[in-house]
Amino acid sequence: IPRMLAAARDDGVDVVYGVRNDRSTDTWFKRVSAQAFYKLIGL
């Protein structure tokens, strides 16, 4: 949270997303289905 608030203040943005760069704790099915779902919604 402190990093998010600092990014919003310093960069003057309205939204700061928390992005997971390591999802090894999720199951294989959840990772694959999430990727496919977001690609489908994006298209």
PDB file of all heavy atoms in Angstrom:
ATOM      1  N   ILE A   1       0.822  -1.223   0.000  1.00  0.00           N
ATOM      2  CA  ILE A   1       0.000   0.000   0.000  1.00  0.00           C
ATOM      3  C   ILE A   1       0.854   1.270   0.000  1.00  0.00           C
ATOM      4  O   ILE A   1       0.563   2.207  -0.763  1.00  0.00           O
ATOM      5  CB  ILE A   1      -0.981  -0.018   1.189  1.00  0.00           C
ATOM      6  CG1 ILE A   1      -2.001  -1.147   1.009  1.00  0.00           C
ATOM      7  CG2 ILE A   1      -1.687   1.328   1.336  1.00  0.00           C
ATOM      8  CD1 ILE A   1      -2.983  -1.285   2.155  1.00  0.00           C
ATOM      9  N   PRO A   2       1.914   1.395   0.824  1.00  0.00           N
ATOM     10  CA  PRO A   2       2.734   2.617   0.747  1.00  0.00           C
ATOM     11  C   PRO A   2       3.330   2.855  -0.633  1.00  0.00           C
ATOM     12  O   PRO A   2       3.415   4.012  -1.086  1.00  0.00           O
ATOM     13  CB  PRO A   2       3.824   2.371   1.800  1.00  0.00           C
ATOM     14  CG  PRO A   2       3.216   1.406   2.760  1.00  0.00           C
ATOM     15  CD  PRO A   2       2.346   0.515   1.933  1.00  0.00           C
ATOM     16  N   ARG A   3       3.725   1.798  -1.334  1.00  0.00           N
ATOM     17  CA  ARG A   3       4.269   1.960  -2.685  1.00  0.00           C
ATOM     18  C   ARG A   3       3.186   2.436  -3.641  1.00  0.00           C
ATOM     19  O   ARG A   3       3.456   3.253  -4.538  1.00  0.00           O
ATOM     20  CB  ARG A   3       4.863   0.644  -3.159  1.00  0.00           C
ATOM     21  CG  ARG A   3       6.128   0.217  -2.417  1.00  0.00           C
ATOM     22  CD  ARG A   3       6.545  -1.201  -2.786  1.00  0.00           C
ATOM     23  NE  ARG A   3       6.649  -1.373  -4.233  1.00  0.00           N
ATOM     24  CZ  ARG A   3       6.805  -2.559  -4.811  1.00  0.00           C
ATOM     25  NH1 ARG A   3       6.851  -3.660  -4.071  1.00  0.00           N
ATOM     26  NH2 ARG A   3       6.896  -2.649  -6.120  1.00  0.00           N
ATOM     27  N   MET A   4       1.984   1.932  -3.490  1.00  0.00           N
ATOM     28  CA  MET A   4       0.871   2.384  -4.332  1.00  0.00           C
ATOM     29  C   MET A   4       0.591   3.862  -4.120  1.00  0.00           C
ATOM     30  O   MET A   4       0.434   4.631  -5.080  1.00  0.00           O
ATOM     31  CB  MET A   4      -0.389   1.573  -4.021  1.00  0.00           C
ATOM     32  CG  MET A   4      -0.370   0.135  -4.496  1.00  0.00           C
ATOM     33  SD  MET A   4      -1.936  -0.680  -4.083  1.00  0.00           S
ATOM     34  CE  MET A   4      -1.812  -2.158  -5.100  1.00  0.00           C
ATOM     35  N   LEU A   5       0.531   4.272  -2.851  1.00  0.00           N
ATOM     36  CA  LEU A   5       0.249   5.679  -2.550  1.00  0.00           C
ATOM     37  C   LEU A   5       1.367   6.577  -3.060  1.00  0.00           C
ATOM     38  O   LEU A   5       1.104   7.662  -3.611  1.00  0.00           O
ATOM     39  CB  LEU A   5       0.055   5.855  -1.049  1.00  0.00           C
ATOM     40  CG  LEU A   5      -0.353   7.244  -0.566  1.00  0.00           C
ATOM     41  CD1 LEU A   5      -1.669   7.673  -1.205  1.00  0.00           C
ATOM     42  CD2 LEU A   5      -0.466   7.282   0.958  1.00  0.00           C
ATOM     43  N   ALA A   6       2.603   6.148  -2.925  1.00  0.00           N
ATOM     44  CA  ALA A   6       3.723   6.945  -3.424  1.00  0.00           C
ATOM     45  C   ALA A   6       3.671   7.061  -4.939  1.00  0.00           C
ATOM     46  O   ALA A   6       3.947   8.134  -5.503  1.00  0.00           O
ATOM     47  CB  ALA A   6       5.041   6.312  -2.980  1.00  0.00           C
ATOM     48  N   ALA A   7       3.312   5.983  -5.622  1.00  0.00           N
ATOM     49  CA  ALA A   7       3.213   6.029  -7.090  1.00  0.00           C
ATOM     50  C   ALA A   7       2.109   6.977  -7.528  1.00  0.00           C
ATOM     51  O   ALA A   7       2.268   7.732  -8.500  1.00  0.00           O
ATOM     52  CB  ALA A   7       2.956   4.627  -7.636  1.00  0.00           C
ATOM     53  N   ALA A   8       0.975   6.973  -6.828  1.00  0.00           N
ATOM     54  CA  ALA A   8      -0.126   7.873  -7.182  1.00  0.00           C
ATOM     55  C   ALA A   8       0.270   9.325  -6.971  1.00  0.00           C
ATOM     56  O   ALA A   8      -0.054  10.198  -7.789  1.00  0.00           O
ATOM     57  CB  ALA A   8      -1.367   7.529  -6.365  1.00  0.00           C
ATOM     58  N   ARG A   9       0.971   9.594  -5.894  1.00  0.00           N
ATOM     59  CA  ARG A   9       1.392  10.973  -5.615  1.00  0.00           C
ATOM     60  C   ARG A   9       2.468  11.440  -6.590  1.00  0.00           C
ATOM     61  O   ARG A   9       2.382  12.538  -7.148  1.00  0.00           O
ATOM     62  CB  ARG A   9       1.931  11.065  -4.184  1.00  0.00           C
ATOM     63  CG  ARG A   9       0.874  10.960  -3.077  1.00  0.00           C
ATOM     64  CD  ARG A   9       1.579  10.831  -1.747  1.00  0.00           C
ATOM     65  NE  ARG A   9       0.675  10.898  -0.609  1.00  0.00           N
ATOM     66  CZ  ARG A   9       1.050  10.626   0.640  1.00  0.00           C
ATOM     67  NH1 ARG A   9       2.306  10.264   0.887  1.00  0.00           N
ATOM     68  NH2 ARG A   9       0.178  10.711   1.624  1.00  0.00           N
ATOM     69  N   ASP A  10       3.491  10.625  -6.785  1.00  0.00           N
ATOM     70  CA  ASP A  10       4.643  11.045  -7.591  1.00  0.00           C
ATOM     71  C   ASP A  10       4.297  11.143  -9.074  1.00  0.00           C
ATOM     72  O   ASP A  10       4.749  12.057  -9.763  1.00  0.00           O
ATOM     73  CB  ASP A  10       5.804  10.066  -7.386  1.00  0.00           C
ATOM     74  CG  ASP A  10       6.288  10.038  -5.944  1.00  0.00           C
ATOM     75  OD1 ASP A  10       5.982  10.993  -5.206  1.00  0.00           O
ATOM     76  OD2 ASP A  10       6.948   9.049  -5.563  1.00  0.00           O
ATOM     77  N   ASP A  11       3.520  10.190  -9.578  1.00  0.00           N
ATOM     78  CA  ASP A  11       3.214  10.150 -11.007  1.00  0.00           C
ATOM     79  C   ASP A  11       1.919  10.862 -11.357  1.00  0.00           C
ATOM     80  O   ASP A  11       1.618  11.044 -12.542  1.00  0.00           O
ATOM     81  CB  ASP A  11       3.137   8.693 -11.488  1.00  0.00           C
ATOM     82  CG  ASP A  11       4.448   7.938 -11.265  1.00  0.00           C
ATOM     83  OD1 ASP A  11       5.493   8.619 -11.171  1.00  0.00           O
ATOM     84  OD2 ASP A  11       4.414   6.698 -11.176  1.00  0.00           O
ATOM     85  N   GLY A  12       1.137  11.254 -10.356  1.00  0.00           N
ATOM     86  CA  GLY A  12      -0.106  11.962 -10.619  1.00  0.00           C
ATOM     87  C   GLY A  12      -1.135  11.132 -11.355  1.00  0.00           C
ATOM     88  O   GLY A  12      -1.868  11.656 -12.198  1.00  0.00           O
ATOM     89  N   VAL A  13      -1.190   9.824 -11.074  1.00  0.00           N
ATOM     90  CA  VAL A  13      -2.139   8.946 -11.750  1.00  0.00           C
ATOM     91  C   VAL A  13      -3.366   8.733 -10.860  1.00  0.00           C
ATOM     92  O   VAL A  13      -3.339   8.968  -9.658  1.00  0.00           O
ATOM     93  CB  VAL A  13      -1.489   7.598 -12.096  1.00  0.00           C
ATOM     94  CG1 VAL A  13      -0.366   7.795 -13.091  1.00  0.00           C
ATOM     95  CG2 VAL A  13      -0.975   6.896 -10.838  1.00  0.00           C
ATOM     96  N   ASP A  14      -4.434   8.269 -11.496  1.00  0.00           N
ATOM     97  CA  ASP A  14      -5.687   8.039 -10.771  1.00  0.00           C
ATOM     98  C   ASP A  14      -5.825   6.606 -10.268  1.00  0.00           C
ATOM     99  O   ASP A  14      -6.578   6.358  -9.329  1.00  0.00           O
ATOM    100  CB  ASP A  14      -6.884   8.360 -11.669  1.00  0.00           C
ATOM    101  CG  ASP A  14      -7.060   9.845 -11.888  1.00  0.00           C
ATOM    102  OD1 ASP A  14      -7.302  10.558 -10.899  1.00  0.00           O
ATOM    103  OD2 ASP A  14      -6.936  10.305 -13.039  1.00  0.00           O
ATOM    104  N   VAL A  15      -5.149   5.668 -10.895  1.00  0.00           N
ATOM    105  CA  VAL A  15      -5.268   4.259 -10.519  1.00  0.00           C
ATOM    106  C   VAL A  15      -3.877   3.644 -10.473  1.00  0.00           C
ATOM    107  O   VAL A  15      -3.060   3.870 -11.368  1.00  0.00           O
ATOM    108  CB  VAL A  15      -6.143   3.470 -11.523  1.00  0.00           C
ATOM    109  CG1 VAL A  15      -6.333   2.032 -11.042  1.00  0.00           C
ATOM    110  CG2 VAL A  15      -7.498   4.140 -11.715  1.00  0.00           C
ATOM    111  N   VAL A  16      -3.629   2.871  -9.423  1.00  0.00           N
ATOM    112  CA  VAL A  16      -2.396   2.085  -9.319  1.00  0.00           C
ATOM    113  C   VAL A  16      -2.811   0.638  -9.100  1.00  0.00           C
ATOM    114  O   VAL A  16      -3.409   0.302  -8.074  1.00  0.00           O
ATOM    115  CB  VAL A  16      -1.491   2.563  -8.167  1.00  0.00           C
ATOM    116  CG1 VAL A  16      -0.231   1.704  -8.097  1.00  0.00           C
ATOM    117  CG2 VAL A  16      -1.126   4.030  -8.345  1.00  0.00           C
ATOM    118  N   TYR A  17      -2.507  -0.221 -10.078  1.00  0.00           N
ATOM    119  CA  TYR A  17      -2.891  -1.621 -10.002  1.00  0.00           C
ATOM    120  C   TYR A  17      -1.799  -2.436  -9.310  1.00  0.00           C
ATOM    121  O   TYR A  17      -0.611  -2.258  -9.604  1.00  0.00           O
ATOM    122  CB  TYR A  17      -3.114  -2.201 -11.402  1.00  0.00           C
ATOM    123  CG  TYR A  17      -4.231  -1.555 -12.176  1.00  0.00           C
ATOM    124  CD1 TYR A  17      -3.966  -0.598 -13.149  1.00  0.00           C
ATOM    125  CD2 TYR A  17      -5.554  -1.899 -11.940  1.00  0.00           C
ATOM    126  CE1 TYR A  17      -4.984   0.003 -13.864  1.00  0.00           C
ATOM    127  CE2 TYR A  17      -6.587  -1.309 -12.656  1.00  0.00           C
ATOM    128  CZ  TYR A  17      -6.289  -0.364 -13.617  1.00  0.00           C
ATOM    129  OH  TYR A  17      -7.304   0.229 -14.322  1.00  0.00           O
ATOM    130  N   GLY A  18      -2.219  -3.333  -8.446  1.00  0.00           N
ATOM    131  CA  GLY A  18      -1.304  -4.318  -7.902  1.00  0.00           C
ATOM    132  C   GLY A  18      -1.224  -5.488  -8.863  1.00  0.00           C
ATOM    133  O   GLY A  18      -2.225  -6.173  -9.099  1.00  0.00           O
ATOM    134  N   VAL A  19      -0.054  -5.715  -9.441  1.00  0.00           N
ATOM    135  CA  VAL A  19       0.119  -6.751 -10.466  1.00  0.00           C
ATOM    136  C   VAL A  19       0.973  -7.882  -9.892  1.00  0.00           C
ATOM    137  O   VAL A  19       2.060  -7.641  -9.359  1.00  0.00           O
ATOM    138  CB  VAL A  19       0.792  -6.169 -11.731  1.00  0.00           C
ATOM    139  CG1 VAL A  19       1.046  -7.266 -12.751  1.00  0.00           C
ATOM    140  CG2 VAL A  19      -0.084  -5.075 -12.328  1.00  0.00           C
ATOM    141  N   ARG A  20       0.494  -9.094 -10.026  1.00  0.00           N
ATOM    142  CA  ARG A  20       1.200 -10.260  -9.487  1.00  0.00           C
ATOM    143  C   ARG A  20       2.278 -10.707 -10.470  1.00  0.00           C
ATOM    144  O   ARG A  20       1.963 -11.152 -11.574  1.00  0.00           O
ATOM    145  CB  ARG A  20       0.207 -11.399  -9.250  1.00  0.00           C
ATOM    146  CG  ARG A  20      -0.999 -10.978  -8.440  1.00  0.00           C
ATOM    147  CD  ARG A  20      -2.194 -11.857  -8.747  1.00  0.00           C
ATOM    148  NE  ARG A  20      -3.406 -11.368  -8.100  1.00  0.00           N
ATOM    149  CZ  ARG A  20      -4.628 -11.807  -8.391  1.00  0.00           C
ATOM    150  NH1 ARG A  20      -4.802 -12.715  -9.325  1.00  0.00           N
ATOM    151  NH2 ARG A  20      -5.680 -11.315  -7.760  1.00  0.00           N
ATOM    152  N   ASN A  21       3.526 -10.593 -10.083  1.00  0.00           N
ATOM    153  CA  ASN A  21       4.614 -11.046 -10.950  1.00  0.00           C
ATOM    154  C   ASN A  21       5.028 -12.480 -10.644  1.00  0.00           C
ATOM    155  O   ASN A  21       5.883 -13.049 -11.327  1.00  0.00           O
ATOM    156  CB  ASN A  21       5.826 -10.119 -10.831  1.00  0.00           C
ATOM    157  CG  ASN A  21       6.347 -10.043  -9.402  1.00  0.00           C
ATOM    158  OD1 ASN A  21       5.926 -10.789  -8.521  1.00  0.00           O
ATOM    159  ND2 ASN A  21       7.263  -9.116  -9.169  1.00  0.00           N
ATOM    160  N   ASP A  22       4.436 -13.075  -9.618  1.00  0.00           N
ATOM    161  CA  ASP A  22       4.714 -14.466  -9.264  1.00  0.00           C
ATOM    162  C   ASP A  22       3.426 -15.079  -8.707  1.00  0.00           C
ATOM    163  O   ASP A  22       2.987 -14.737  -7.613  1.00  0.00           O
ATOM    164  CB  ASP A  22       5.831 -14.538  -8.218  1.00  0.00           C
ATOM    165  CG  ASP A  22       6.260 -15.979  -7.926  1.00  0.00           C
ATOM    166  OD1 ASP A  22       5.515 -16.916  -8.306  1.00  0.00           O
ATOM    167  OD2 ASP A  22       7.326 -16.162  -7.305  1.00  0.00           O
ATOM    168  N   ARG A  23       2.831 -15.984  -9.487  1.00  0.00           N
ATOM    169  CA  ARG A  23       1.583 -16.631  -9.075  1.00  0.00           C
ATOM    170  C   ARG A  23       1.799 -18.122  -8.837  1.00  0.00           C
ATOM    171  O   ARG A  23       0.920 -18.943  -9.086  1.00  0.00           O
ATOM    172  CB  ARG A  23       0.510 -16.427 -10.147  1.00  0.00           C
ATOM    173  CG  ARG A  23       0.181 -14.976 -10.413  1.00  0.00           C
ATOM    174  CD  ARG A  23      -1.006 -14.824 -11.332  1.00  0.00           C
ATOM    175  NE  ARG A  23      -2.215 -15.388 -10.766  1.00  0.00           N
ATOM    176  CZ  ARG A  23      -3.432 -15.184 -11.275  1.00  0.00           C
ATOM    177  NH1 ARG A  23      -3.574 -14.422 -12.341  1.00  0.00           N
ATOM    178  NH2 ARG A  23      -4.480 -15.741 -10.720  1.00  0.00           N
ATOM    179  N   SER A  24       2.973 -18.476  -8.368  1.00  0.00           N
ATOM    180  CA  SER A  24       3.288 -19.889  -8.148  1.00  0.00           C
ATOM    181  C   SER A  24       2.425 -20.507  -7.060  1.00  0.00           C
ATOM    182  O   SER A  24       2.300 -21.738  -6.997  1.00  0.00           O
ATOM    183  CB  SER A  24       4.771 -20.043  -7.788  1.00  0.00           C
ATOM    184  OG  SER A  24       5.100 -19.253  -6.650  1.00  0.00           O
ATOM    185  N   THR A  25       1.839 -19.687  -6.191  1.00  0.00           N
ATOM    186  CA  THR A  25       0.975 -20.236  -5.155  1.00  0.00           C
ATOM    187  C   THR A  25      -0.393 -20.641  -5.691  1.00  0.00           C
ATOM    188  O   THR A  25      -1.122 -21.375  -5.024  1.00  0.00           O
ATOM    189  CB  THR A  25       0.789 -19.206  -4.025  1.00  0.00           C
ATOM    190  OG1 THR A  25       0.240 -17.987  -4.572  1.00  0.00           O
ATOM    191  CG2 THR A  25       2.114 -18.891  -3.355  1.00  0.00           C
ATOM    192  N   ASP A  26      -0.768 -20.148  -6.879  1.00  0.00           N
ATOM    193  CA  ASP A  26      -2.028 -20.558  -7.494  1.00  0.00           C
ATOM    194  C   ASP A  26      -1.854 -21.893  -8.208  1.00  0.00           C
ATOM    195  O   ASP A  26      -0.752 -22.255  -8.627  1.00  0.00           O
ATOM    196  CB  ASP A  26      -2.510 -19.500  -8.500  1.00  0.00           C
ATOM    197  CG  ASP A  26      -2.926 -18.211  -7.824  1.00  0.00           C
ATOM    198  OD1 ASP A  26      -3.282 -18.264  -6.627  1.00  0.00           O
ATOM    199  OD2 ASP A  26      -2.893 -17.155  -8.472  1.00  0.00           O
ATOM    200  N   THR A  27      -2.956 -22.600  -8.371  1.00  0.00           N
ATOM    201  CA  THR A  27      -2.903 -23.874  -9.083  1.00  0.00           C
ATOM    202  C   THR A  27      -2.677 -23.640 -10.568  1.00  0.00           C
ATOM    203  O   THR A  27      -2.930 -22.554 -11.098  1.00  0.00           O
ATOM    204  CB  THR A  27      -4.207 -24.653  -8.874  1.00  0.00           C
ATOM    205  OG1 THR A  27      -5.301 -23.917  -9.450  1.00  0.00           O
ATOM    206  CG2 THR A  27      -4.472 -24.882  -7.395  1.00  0.00           C
ATOM    207  N   TRP A  28      -2.194 -24.694 -11.245  1.00  0.00           N
ATOM    208  CA  TRP A  28      -1.958 -24.604 -12.685  1.00  0.00           C
ATOM    209  C   TRP A  28      -3.255 -24.273 -13.414  1.00  0.00           C
ATOM    210  O   TRP A  28      -3.266 -23.455 -14.336  1.00  0.00           O
ATOM    211  CB  TRP A  28      -1.385 -25.926 -13.186  1.00  0.00           C
ATOM    212  CG  TRP A  28      -1.258 -25.988 -14.686  1.00  0.00           C
ATOM    213  CD1 TRP A  28      -0.217 -25.553 -15.445  1.00  0.00           C
ATOM    214  CD2 TRP A  28      -2.230 -26.503 -15.606  1.00  0.00           C
ATOM    215  NE1 TRP A  28      -0.463 -25.751 -16.776  1.00  0.00           N
ATOM    216  CE2 TRP A  28      -1.697 -26.345 -16.912  1.00  0.00           C
ATOM    217  CE3 TRP A  28      -3.489 -27.077 -15.466  1.00  0.00           C
ATOM    218  CZ2 TRP A  28      -2.391 -26.739 -18.047  1.00  0.00           C
ATOM    219  CZ3 TRP A  28      -4.179 -27.471 -16.596  1.00  0.00           C
ATOM    220  CH2 TRP A  28      -3.628 -27.304 -17.875  1.00  0.00           C
ATOM    221  N   PHE A  29      -4.345 -24.904 -13.016  1.00  0.00           N
ATOM    222  CA  PHE A  29      -5.626 -24.664 -13.678  1.00  0.00           C
ATOM    223  C   PHE A  29      -6.052 -23.205 -13.530  1.00  0.00           C
ATOM    224  O   PHE A  29      -6.534 -22.585 -14.494  1.00  0.00           O
ATOM    225  CB  PHE A  29      -6.697 -25.585 -13.094  1.00  0.00           C
ATOM    226  CG  PHE A  29      -8.091 -25.299 -13.595  1.00  0.00           C
ATOM    227  CD1 PHE A  29      -8.487 -25.718 -14.868  1.00  0.00           C
ATOM    228  CD2 PHE A  29      -8.999 -24.600 -12.810  1.00  0.00           C
ATOM    229  CE1 PHE A  29      -9.764 -25.450 -15.335  1.00  0.00           C
ATOM    230  CE2 PHE A  29     -10.278 -24.331 -13.271  1.00  0.00           C
ATOM    231  CZ  PHE A  29     -10.658 -24.753 -14.543  1.00  0.00           C
ATOM    232  N   LYS A  30      -5.878 -22.635 -12.343  1.00  0.00           N
ATOM    233  CA  LYS A  30      -6.296 -21.257 -12.115  1.00  0.00           C
ATOM    234  C   LYS A  30      -5.460 -20.282 -12.942  1.00  0.00           C
ATOM    235  O   LYS A  30      -5.990 -19.321 -13.506  1.00  0.00           O
ATOM    236  CB  LYS A  30      -6.191 -20.907 -10.625  1.00  0.00           C
ATOM    237  CG  LYS A  30      -6.789 -19.559 -10.270  1.00  0.00           C
ATOM    238  CD  LYS A  30      -6.851 -19.355  -8.775  1.00  0.00           C
ATOM    239  CE  LYS A  30      -7.535 -18.039  -8.437  1.00  0.00           C
ATOM    240  NZ  LYS A  30      -7.633 -17.835  -6.962  1.00  0.00           N
ATOM    241  N   ARG A  31      -4.165 -20.536 -13.052  1.00  0.00           N
ATOM    242  CA  ARG A  31      -3.316 -19.640 -13.835  1.00  0.00           C
ATOM    243  C   ARG A  31      -3.670 -19.692 -15.316  1.00  0.00           C
ATOM    244  O   ARG A  31      -3.812 -18.656 -15.976  1.00  0.00           O
ATOM    245  CB  ARG A  31      -1.836 -20.005 -13.631  1.00  0.00           C
ATOM    246  CG  ARG A  31      -1.308 -19.761 -12.234  1.00  0.00           C
ATOM    247  CD  ARG A  31       0.214 -19.767 -12.223  1.00  0.00           C
ATOM    248  NE  ARG A  31       0.739 -21.047 -12.687  1.00  0.00           N
ATOM    249  CZ  ARG A  31       1.039 -22.064 -11.896  1.00  0.00           C
ATOM    250  NH1 ARG A  31       0.851 -21.963 -10.596  1.00  0.00           N
ATOM    251  NH2 ARG A  31       1.535 -23.182 -12.389  1.00  0.00           N
ATOM    252  N   VAL A  32      -3.837 -20.894 -15.847  1.00  0.00           N
ATOM    253  CA  VAL A  32      -4.124 -21.046 -17.271  1.00  0.00           C
ATOM    254  C   VAL A  32      -5.507 -20.510 -17.604  1.00  0.00           C
ATOM    255  O   VAL A  32      -5.692 -19.784 -18.594  1.00  0.00           O
ATOM    256  CB  VAL A  32      -4.003 -22.528 -17.691  1.00  0.00           C
ATOM    257  CG1 VAL A  32      -4.476 -22.716 -19.118  1.00  0.00           C
ATOM    258  CG2 VAL A  32      -2.567 -22.999 -17.534  1.00  0.00           C
ATOM    259  N   SER A  33      -6.496 -20.832 -16.777  1.00  0.00           N
ATOM    260  CA  SER A  33      -7.862 -20.363 -17.045  1.00  0.00           C
ATOM    261  C   SER A  33      -7.960 -18.846 -16.938  1.00  0.00           C
ATOM    262  O   SER A  33      -8.688 -18.204 -17.709  1.00  0.00           O
ATOM    263  CB  SER A  33      -8.844 -21.029 -16.085  1.00  0.00           C
ATOM    264  OG  SER A  33      -8.520 -20.729 -14.731  1.00  0.00           O
ATOM    265  N   ALA A  34      -7.224 -18.259 -16.004  1.00  0.00           N
ATOM    266  CA  ALA A  34      -7.248 -16.801 -15.868  1.00  0.00           C
ATOM    267  C   ALA A  34      -6.652 -16.123 -17.097  1.00  0.00           C
ATOM    268  O   ALA A  34      -7.203 -15.133 -17.609  1.00  0.00           O
ATOM    269  CB  ALA A  34      -6.497 -16.377 -14.602  1.00  0.00           C
ATOM    270  N   GLN A  35      -5.528 -16.640 -17.580  1.00  0.00           N
ATOM    271  CA  GLN A  35      -4.910 -16.071 -18.770  1.00  0.00           C
ATOM    272  C   GLN A  35      -5.843 -16.171 -19.972  1.00  0.00           C
ATOM    273  O   GLN A  35      -6.018 -15.201 -20.728  1.00  0.00           O
ATOM    274  CB  GLN A  35      -3.588 -16.790 -19.066  1.00  0.00           C
ATOM    275  CG  GLN A  35      -2.474 -16.504 -18.072  1.00  0.00           C
ATOM    276  CD  GLN A  35      -1.869 -15.123 -18.258  1.00  0.00           C
ATOM    277  OE1 GLN A  35      -2.045 -14.483 -19.289  1.00  0.00           O
ATOM    278  NE2 GLN A  35      -1.151 -14.658 -17.241  1.00  0.00           N
ATOM    279  N   ALA A  36      -6.470 -17.340 -20.153  1.00  0.00           N
ATOM    280  CA  ALA A  36      -7.372 -17.530 -21.288  1.00  0.00           C
ATOM    281  C   ALA A  36      -8.600 -16.624 -21.170  1.00  0.00           C
ATOM    282  O   ALA A  36      -9.058 -16.041 -22.160  1.00  0.00           O
ATOM    283  CB  ALA A  36      -7.799 -18.996 -21.373  1.00  0.00           C
ATOM    284  N   PHE A  37      -9.108 -16.492 -19.958  1.00  0.00           N
ATOM    285  CA  PHE A  37     -10.304 -15.670 -19.754  1.00  0.00           C
ATOM    286  C   PHE A  37     -10.029 -14.202 -20.062  1.00  0.00           C
ATOM    287  O   PHE A  37     -10.808 -13.536 -20.748  1.00  0.00           O
ATOM    288  CB  PHE A  37     -10.793 -15.827 -18.318  1.00  0.00           C
ATOM    289  CG  PHE A  37     -11.872 -14.864 -17.931  1.00  0.00           C
ATOM    290  CD1 PHE A  37     -13.137 -14.954 -18.493  1.00  0.00           C
ATOM    291  CD2 PHE A  37     -11.623 -13.859 -17.021  1.00  0.00           C
ATOM    292  CE1 PHE A  37     -14.133 -14.064 -18.141  1.00  0.00           C
ATOM    293  CE2 PHE A  37     -12.613 -12.967 -16.661  1.00  0.00           C
ATOM    294  CZ  PHE A  37     -13.871 -13.072 -17.227  1.00  0.00           C
ATOM    295  N   TYR A  38      -8.916 -13.671 -19.581  1.00  0.00           N
ATOM    296  CA  TYR A  38      -8.601 -12.269 -19.820  1.00  0.00           C
ATOM    297  C   TYR A  38      -8.342 -12.003 -21.300  1.00  0.00           C
ATOM    298  O   TYR A  38      -8.690 -10.936 -21.821  1.00  0.00           O
ATOM    299  CB  TYR A  38      -7.395 -11.839 -18.984  1.00  0.00           C
ATOM    300  CG  TYR A  38      -7.747 -11.449 -17.573  1.00  0.00           C
ATOM    301  CD1 TYR A  38      -7.782 -12.391 -16.551  1.00  0.00           C
ATOM    302  CD2 TYR A  38      -8.073 -10.136 -17.252  1.00  0.00           C
ATOM    303  CE1 TYR A  38      -8.109 -12.038 -15.253  1.00  0.00           C
ATOM    304  CE2 TYR A  38      -8.399  -9.769 -15.963  1.00  0.00           C
ATOM    305  CZ  TYR A  38      -8.421 -10.724 -14.966  1.00  0.00           C
ATOM    306  OH  TYR A  38      -8.759 -10.373 -13.686  1.00  0.00           O
ATOM    307  N   LYS A  39      -7.729 -12.948 -21.991  1.00  0.00           N
ATOM    308  CA  LYS A  39      -7.530 -12.781 -23.427  1.00  0.00           C
ATOM    309  C   LYS A  39      -8.865 -12.767 -24.165  1.00  0.00           C
ATOM    310  O   LYS A  39      -9.076 -11.982 -25.092  1.00  0.00           O
ATOM    311  CB  LYS A  39      -6.628 -13.892 -23.963  1.00  0.00           C
ATOM    312  CG  LYS A  39      -5.170 -13.757 -23.557  1.00  0.00           C
ATOM    313  CD  LYS A  39      -4.328 -14.862 -24.176  1.00  0.00           C
ATOM    314  CE  LYS A  39      -2.860 -14.702 -23.777  1.00  0.00           C
ATOM    315  NZ  LYS A  39      -2.011 -15.783 -24.341  1.00  0.00           N
ATOM    316  N   LEU A  40      -9.794 -13.648 -23.746  1.00  0.00           N
ATOM    317  CA  LEU A  40     -11.108 -13.689 -24.372  1.00  0.00           C
ATOM    318  C   LEU A  40     -11.863 -12.387 -24.156  1.00  0.00           C
ATOM    319  O   LEU A  40     -12.440 -11.822 -25.098  1.00  0.00           O
ATOM    320  CB  LEU A  40     -11.906 -14.870 -23.801  1.00  0.00           C
ATOM    321  CG  LEU A  40     -13.351 -15.008 -24.300  1.00  0.00           C
ATOM    322  CD1 LEU A  40     -13.369 -15.272 -25.801  1.00  0.00           C
ATOM    323  CD2 LEU A  40     -14.064 -16.118 -23.545  1.00  0.00           C
ATOM    324  N   ILE A  41     -11.853 -11.872 -22.925  1.00  0.00           N
ATOM    325  CA  ILE A  41     -12.529 -10.608 -22.643  1.00  0.00           C
ATOM    326  C   ILE A  41     -11.897  -9.471 -23.423  1.00  0.00           C
ATOM    327  O   ILE A  41     -12.579  -8.587 -23.953  1.00  0.00           O
ATOM    328  CB  ILE A  41     -12.498 -10.301 -21.137  1.00  0.00           C
ATOM    329  CG1 ILE A  41     -13.374 -11.302 -20.382  1.00  0.00           C
ATOM    330  CG2 ILE A  41     -12.965  -8.884 -20.850  1.00  0.00           C
ATOM    331  CD1 ILE A  41     -14.845 -11.174 -20.654  1.00  0.00           C
ATOM    332  N   GLY A  42     -10.559  -9.478 -23.510  1.00  0.00           N
ATOM    333  CA  GLY A  42      -9.882  -8.419 -24.251  1.00  0.00           C
ATOM    334  C   GLY A  42     -10.244  -8.421 -25.728  1.00  0.00           C
ATOM    335  O   GLY A  42     -10.419  -7.358 -26.339  1.00  0.00           O
ATOM    336  N   LEU A  43     -10.379  -9.612 -26.336  1.00  0.00           N
ATOM    337  CA  LEU A  43     -10.736  -9.697 -27.746  1.00  0.00           C
ATOM    338  C   LEU A  43     -12.186  -9.292 -27.998  1.00  0.00           C
ATOM    339  O   LEU A  43     -12.499  -8.648 -28.999  1.00  0.00           O
ATOM    340  CB  LEU A  43     -10.495 -11.120 -28.261  1.00  0.00           C
ATOM    341  CG  LEU A  43      -9.036 -11.570 -28.376  1.00  0.00           C
ATOM    342  CD1 LEU A  43      -8.956 -13.038 -28.740  1.00  0.00           C
ATOM    343  CD2 LEU A  43      -8.298 -10.719 -29.414  1.00  0.00           C
TER     344      LEU A  43
END
